[in-house]
């Protein structure tokens, strides 16, 4: 799996209206399409959260002093970067519309 940060580059972080017919072109069912997108969004959200927590854990210290809080600009920049990233639902929608997702029905063999 490629890096989420590189995937999010070039994707508009704001919400855009979509044509329903493009969403149902593969699955023929809007509910199935939205289910696929939402499950992928949950996966992306967990991955981003793990990645962010891992990076922020590097800055964790046992003692908090006022000087350390104000001087830690790198931690602030990392947090700002993740705040500017598109929502995981937007990333999942982008992957679905660009046919980058693999999905299958559990009933099918």
N, C-alpha and C. Protein backbone atom coordinates (compact mmCIF):
# COMPACT_ATOMS: atom_id res chain seq x y z
N UNK A 1 0.84 -1.17 0.00
CA UNK A 1 0.00 0.00 0.00
C UNK A 1 0.89 1.23 0.00
N UNK A 2 0.54 2.20 -0.81
CA UNK A 2 1.36 3.41 -0.87
C UNK A 2 1.03 4.33 0.30
N UNK A 3 1.87 5.29 0.49
CA UNK A 3 1.76 6.22 1.60
C UNK A 3 0.51 7.09 1.45
N UNK A 4 -0.21 7.29 2.53
CA UNK A 4 -1.44 8.08 2.51
C UNK A 4 -1.13 9.53 2.21
N UNK A 5 0.00 10.01 2.71
CA UNK A 5 0.35 11.41 2.46
C UNK A 5 0.54 11.68 0.98
N UNK A 6 1.17 10.76 0.27
CA UNK A 6 1.37 10.98 -1.16
C UNK A 6 0.06 10.81 -1.92
N UNK A 7 -0.82 9.96 -1.45
CA UNK A 7 -2.13 9.81 -2.08
C UNK A 7 -2.95 11.09 -1.96
N UNK A 8 -2.82 11.76 -0.83
CA UNK A 8 -3.65 12.93 -0.59
C UNK A 8 -3.16 14.18 -1.32
N UNK A 9 -1.96 14.13 -1.86
CA UNK A 9 -1.45 15.28 -2.60
C UNK A 9 -2.27 15.47 -3.88
N UNK A 10 -2.71 16.67 -4.12
CA UNK A 10 -3.46 16.98 -5.33
C UNK A 10 -4.95 16.72 -5.22
N UNK A 11 -5.43 16.23 -4.11
CA UNK A 11 -6.86 16.02 -3.92
C UNK A 11 -7.42 17.23 -3.19
N UNK A 12 -8.49 17.77 -3.72
CA UNK A 12 -9.14 18.92 -3.10
C UNK A 12 -9.71 18.51 -1.74
N UNK A 13 -9.32 19.18 -0.65
CA UNK A 13 -9.77 18.76 0.67
C UNK A 13 -11.21 19.14 0.99
N UNK A 14 -11.84 19.94 0.14
CA UNK A 14 -13.22 20.31 0.42
C UNK A 14 -14.18 19.35 -0.28
N UNK A 15 -15.40 19.36 0.16
CA UNK A 15 -16.42 18.45 -0.36
C UNK A 15 -16.90 18.95 -1.71
N UNK A 16 -17.07 18.01 -2.65
CA UNK A 16 -17.54 18.32 -3.99
C UNK A 16 -18.76 17.45 -4.26
N UNK A 17 -19.78 18.02 -4.88
CA UNK A 17 -20.95 17.22 -5.20
C UNK A 17 -20.60 16.21 -6.30
N UNK A 18 -21.19 15.04 -6.24
CA UNK A 18 -20.89 13.96 -7.18
C UNK A 18 -22.16 13.52 -7.88
N UNK A 19 -21.99 13.01 -9.07
CA UNK A 19 -23.10 12.46 -9.83
C UNK A 19 -23.36 11.04 -9.35
N UNK A 20 -24.59 10.75 -8.99
CA UNK A 20 -24.94 9.43 -8.45
C UNK A 20 -24.69 8.34 -9.49
N UNK A 21 -24.91 8.65 -10.75
CA UNK A 21 -24.73 7.63 -11.79
C UNK A 21 -23.28 7.15 -11.89
N UNK A 22 -22.32 8.05 -11.60
CA UNK A 22 -20.93 7.61 -11.62
C UNK A 22 -20.61 6.72 -10.43
N UNK A 23 -21.31 6.94 -9.32
CA UNK A 23 -21.08 6.11 -8.14
C UNK A 23 -21.64 4.70 -8.31
N UNK A 24 -22.71 4.57 -9.06
CA UNK A 24 -23.35 3.26 -9.20
C UNK A 24 -22.94 2.55 -10.48
N UNK A 25 -22.04 3.12 -11.25
CA UNK A 25 -21.67 2.51 -12.52
C UNK A 25 -21.04 1.12 -12.35
N UNK A 26 -20.26 0.91 -11.30
CA UNK A 26 -19.62 -0.39 -11.09
C UNK A 26 -20.51 -1.38 -10.33
N UNK A 27 -21.18 -0.91 -9.31
CA UNK A 27 -21.91 -1.81 -8.43
C UNK A 27 -23.39 -1.93 -8.77
N UNK A 28 -23.93 -0.99 -9.50
CA UNK A 28 -25.36 -0.93 -9.84
C UNK A 28 -26.24 -0.74 -8.61
N UNK A 29 -25.65 -0.30 -7.50
CA UNK A 29 -26.40 -0.11 -6.28
C UNK A 29 -25.73 1.00 -5.47
N UNK A 30 -26.46 2.07 -5.20
CA UNK A 30 -25.87 3.21 -4.49
C UNK A 30 -25.49 2.82 -3.07
N UNK A 31 -26.27 1.97 -2.43
CA UNK A 31 -25.98 1.57 -1.05
C UNK A 31 -24.71 0.72 -0.98
N UNK A 32 -24.52 -0.14 -1.95
CA UNK A 32 -23.30 -0.96 -1.99
C UNK A 32 -22.08 -0.07 -2.22
N UNK A 33 -22.22 0.90 -3.12
CA UNK A 33 -21.11 1.82 -3.39
C UNK A 33 -20.74 2.62 -2.14
N UNK A 34 -21.75 3.14 -1.46
CA UNK A 34 -21.48 3.93 -0.26
C UNK A 34 -20.93 3.06 0.87
N UNK A 35 -21.35 1.82 0.92
CA UNK A 35 -20.81 0.90 1.93
C UNK A 35 -19.32 0.65 1.68
N UNK A 36 -18.96 0.44 0.43
CA UNK A 36 -17.55 0.21 0.07
C UNK A 36 -16.73 1.44 0.42
N UNK A 37 -17.24 2.61 0.08
CA UNK A 37 -16.51 3.86 0.34
C UNK A 37 -16.36 4.08 1.85
N UNK A 38 -17.42 3.83 2.60
CA UNK A 38 -17.34 4.06 4.05
C UNK A 38 -16.39 3.09 4.74
N UNK A 39 -16.37 1.83 4.30
CA UNK A 39 -15.44 0.87 4.90
C UNK A 39 -13.99 1.25 4.61
N UNK A 40 -13.74 1.72 3.39
CA UNK A 40 -12.38 2.16 3.05
C UNK A 40 -12.01 3.42 3.84
N UNK A 41 -12.99 4.31 4.03
CA UNK A 41 -12.72 5.53 4.81
C UNK A 41 -12.34 5.19 6.24
N UNK A 42 -12.98 4.18 6.82
CA UNK A 42 -12.62 3.75 8.18
C UNK A 42 -11.21 3.20 8.22
N UNK A 43 -10.84 2.42 7.19
CA UNK A 43 -9.47 1.88 7.13
C UNK A 43 -8.46 3.02 7.04
N UNK A 44 -8.72 3.99 6.17
CA UNK A 44 -7.80 5.12 6.02
C UNK A 44 -7.70 5.93 7.30
N UNK A 45 -8.82 6.12 7.97
CA UNK A 45 -8.82 6.88 9.21
C UNK A 45 -7.95 6.21 10.27
N UNK A 46 -8.05 4.90 10.38
CA UNK A 46 -7.23 4.16 11.35
C UNK A 46 -5.75 4.28 10.99
N UNK A 47 -5.42 4.15 9.71
CA UNK A 47 -4.03 4.25 9.28
C UNK A 47 -3.45 5.64 9.57
N UNK A 48 -4.22 6.68 9.27
CA UNK A 48 -3.74 8.05 9.50
C UNK A 48 -3.56 8.28 11.00
N UNK A 49 -4.51 7.81 11.80
CA UNK A 49 -4.43 7.99 13.25
C UNK A 49 -3.19 7.30 13.82
N UNK A 50 -2.92 6.07 13.36
CA UNK A 50 -1.72 5.35 13.83
C UNK A 50 -0.45 6.08 13.44
N UNK A 51 -0.42 6.56 12.20
CA UNK A 51 0.76 7.27 11.71
C UNK A 51 0.99 8.56 12.49
N UNK A 52 -0.06 9.32 12.72
CA UNK A 52 0.05 10.58 13.46
C UNK A 52 0.46 10.33 14.90
N UNK A 53 -0.17 9.36 15.55
CA UNK A 53 0.19 9.05 16.94
C UNK A 53 1.63 8.58 17.04
N UNK A 54 2.09 7.82 16.07
CA UNK A 54 3.48 7.37 16.07
C UNK A 54 4.45 8.53 15.97
N UNK A 55 4.12 9.50 15.13
CA UNK A 55 5.01 10.66 14.99
C UNK A 55 4.95 11.55 16.21
N UNK A 56 3.77 11.71 16.80
CA UNK A 56 3.66 12.57 17.97
C UNK A 56 4.23 11.91 19.22
N UNK A 57 4.28 10.58 19.25
CA UNK A 57 4.87 9.88 20.40
C UNK A 57 6.37 10.15 20.50
N UNK A 58 7.00 10.48 19.39
CA UNK A 58 8.43 10.80 19.42
C UNK A 58 8.70 12.04 20.25
N UNK A 59 7.70 12.92 20.34
CA UNK A 59 7.87 14.17 21.08
C UNK A 59 7.41 14.08 22.53
N UNK A 60 6.83 12.96 22.91
CA UNK A 60 6.31 12.81 24.26
C UNK A 60 7.45 12.82 25.27
N UNK A 61 7.21 13.50 26.36
CA UNK A 61 8.19 13.52 27.45
C UNK A 61 7.46 13.32 28.77
N UNK A 62 8.21 12.86 29.74
CA UNK A 62 7.61 12.59 31.05
C UNK A 62 7.36 13.88 31.83
N UNK A 63 8.19 14.86 31.61
CA UNK A 63 8.02 16.13 32.32
C UNK A 63 7.61 17.19 31.32
N UNK A 64 6.59 17.93 31.65
CA UNK A 64 6.12 19.02 30.79
C UNK A 64 6.54 20.34 31.41
N UNK A 65 7.38 21.04 30.69
CA UNK A 65 7.74 22.38 31.14
C UNK A 65 7.19 23.37 30.12
N UNK A 66 6.98 24.56 30.54
CA UNK A 66 6.41 25.58 29.68
C UNK A 66 7.32 25.87 28.50
N UNK A 67 8.63 25.78 28.68
CA UNK A 67 9.58 26.04 27.59
C UNK A 67 9.47 24.98 26.51
N UNK A 68 9.31 23.73 26.88
CA UNK A 68 9.21 22.66 25.89
C UNK A 68 7.94 22.78 25.06
N UNK A 69 6.87 23.22 25.66
CA UNK A 69 5.60 23.35 24.94
C UNK A 69 5.71 24.43 23.88
N UNK A 70 6.32 25.54 24.19
CA UNK A 70 6.41 26.64 23.24
C UNK A 70 7.50 26.43 22.19
N UNK A 71 8.50 25.66 22.47
CA UNK A 71 9.61 25.49 21.55
C UNK A 71 9.43 24.35 20.56
N UNK A 72 8.40 23.56 20.70
CA UNK A 72 8.25 22.39 19.87
C UNK A 72 7.49 22.72 18.59
N UNK A 73 8.13 23.45 17.69
CA UNK A 73 7.50 23.89 16.45
C UNK A 73 7.34 22.74 15.45
N UNK A 74 8.24 21.77 15.50
CA UNK A 74 8.15 20.63 14.58
C UNK A 74 6.87 19.82 14.84
N UNK A 75 6.54 19.63 16.09
CA UNK A 75 5.31 18.93 16.45
C UNK A 75 4.09 19.70 15.96
N UNK A 76 4.12 21.00 16.06
CA UNK A 76 3.02 21.83 15.59
C UNK A 76 2.88 21.72 14.08
N UNK A 77 3.99 21.70 13.36
CA UNK A 77 3.94 21.58 11.90
C UNK A 77 3.38 20.24 11.46
N UNK A 78 3.74 19.17 12.16
CA UNK A 78 3.21 17.84 11.85
C UNK A 78 1.70 17.83 12.05
N UNK A 79 1.25 18.40 13.17
CA UNK A 79 -0.19 18.44 13.45
C UNK A 79 -0.93 19.26 12.40
N UNK A 80 -0.37 20.38 12.00
CA UNK A 80 -1.01 21.22 10.98
C UNK A 80 -1.10 20.50 9.64
N UNK A 81 -0.06 19.74 9.30
CA UNK A 81 -0.09 19.01 8.04
C UNK A 81 -1.24 18.02 8.02
N UNK A 82 -1.41 17.27 9.12
CA UNK A 82 -2.49 16.29 9.17
C UNK A 82 -3.86 16.95 9.22
N UNK A 83 -3.96 18.15 9.78
CA UNK A 83 -5.23 18.86 9.78
C UNK A 83 -5.61 19.32 8.39
N UNK A 84 -4.63 19.65 7.56
CA UNK A 84 -4.90 20.12 6.19
C UNK A 84 -5.18 18.98 5.22
N UNK A 85 -4.88 17.76 5.61
CA UNK A 85 -5.13 16.62 4.73
C UNK A 85 -6.62 16.46 4.48
N UNK A 86 -6.98 15.96 3.30
CA UNK A 86 -8.40 15.70 3.05
C UNK A 86 -8.95 14.65 4.01
N UNK A 87 -10.23 14.74 4.26
CA UNK A 87 -10.92 13.79 5.11
C UNK A 87 -10.77 12.39 4.53
N UNK A 88 -10.80 11.38 5.38
CA UNK A 88 -10.65 10.01 4.90
C UNK A 88 -11.79 9.61 3.96
N UNK A 89 -12.97 10.16 4.15
CA UNK A 89 -14.09 9.86 3.24
C UNK A 89 -13.82 10.44 1.85
N UNK A 90 -13.20 11.59 1.78
CA UNK A 90 -12.86 12.19 0.49
C UNK A 90 -11.79 11.35 -0.21
N UNK A 91 -10.80 10.88 0.54
CA UNK A 91 -9.78 10.01 -0.04
C UNK A 91 -10.38 8.71 -0.55
N UNK A 92 -11.29 8.12 0.24
CA UNK A 92 -11.92 6.87 -0.16
C UNK A 92 -12.79 7.07 -1.40
N UNK A 93 -13.49 8.19 -1.48
CA UNK A 93 -14.31 8.49 -2.66
C UNK A 93 -13.42 8.63 -3.90
N UNK A 94 -12.30 9.29 -3.73
CA UNK A 94 -11.35 9.47 -4.84
C UNK A 94 -10.83 8.11 -5.32
N UNK A 95 -10.47 7.25 -4.40
CA UNK A 95 -9.99 5.91 -4.76
C UNK A 95 -11.08 5.12 -5.48
N UNK A 96 -12.31 5.21 -4.99
CA UNK A 96 -13.41 4.47 -5.59
C UNK A 96 -13.69 4.95 -7.01
N UNK A 97 -13.74 6.25 -7.20
CA UNK A 97 -14.04 6.79 -8.52
C UNK A 97 -12.92 6.56 -9.52
N UNK A 98 -11.69 6.45 -9.05
CA UNK A 98 -10.55 6.18 -9.93
C UNK A 98 -10.25 4.68 -10.05
N UNK A 99 -11.17 3.86 -9.53
CA UNK A 99 -11.07 2.41 -9.61
C UNK A 99 -9.76 1.87 -9.01
N UNK A 100 -9.37 2.44 -7.88
CA UNK A 100 -8.17 2.01 -7.18
C UNK A 100 -8.51 1.03 -6.04
N UNK A 101 -9.79 0.77 -5.83
CA UNK A 101 -10.21 -0.13 -4.75
C UNK A 101 -10.56 -1.50 -5.32
N UNK A 102 -10.17 -2.52 -4.59
CA UNK A 102 -10.58 -3.88 -4.92
C UNK A 102 -11.61 -4.29 -3.88
N UNK A 103 -12.75 -4.76 -4.34
CA UNK A 103 -13.79 -5.20 -3.44
C UNK A 103 -14.45 -6.44 -4.03
N UNK A 104 -15.11 -7.19 -3.14
CA UNK A 104 -15.81 -8.39 -3.58
C UNK A 104 -17.00 -8.60 -2.68
N UNK A 105 -17.95 -9.36 -3.18
CA UNK A 105 -19.12 -9.73 -2.38
C UNK A 105 -18.78 -10.97 -1.57
N UNK A 106 -19.21 -11.01 -0.35
CA UNK A 106 -18.93 -12.18 0.48
C UNK A 106 -19.69 -13.41 -0.02
N UNK A 107 -20.83 -13.19 -0.67
CA UNK A 107 -21.65 -14.31 -1.15
C UNK A 107 -21.02 -14.99 -2.33
N UNK A 108 -20.23 -14.23 -3.12
CA UNK A 108 -19.62 -14.81 -4.31
C UNK A 108 -18.39 -15.63 -3.93
N UNK A 109 -18.12 -16.68 -4.72
CA UNK A 109 -16.96 -17.52 -4.44
C UNK A 109 -15.81 -17.18 -5.34
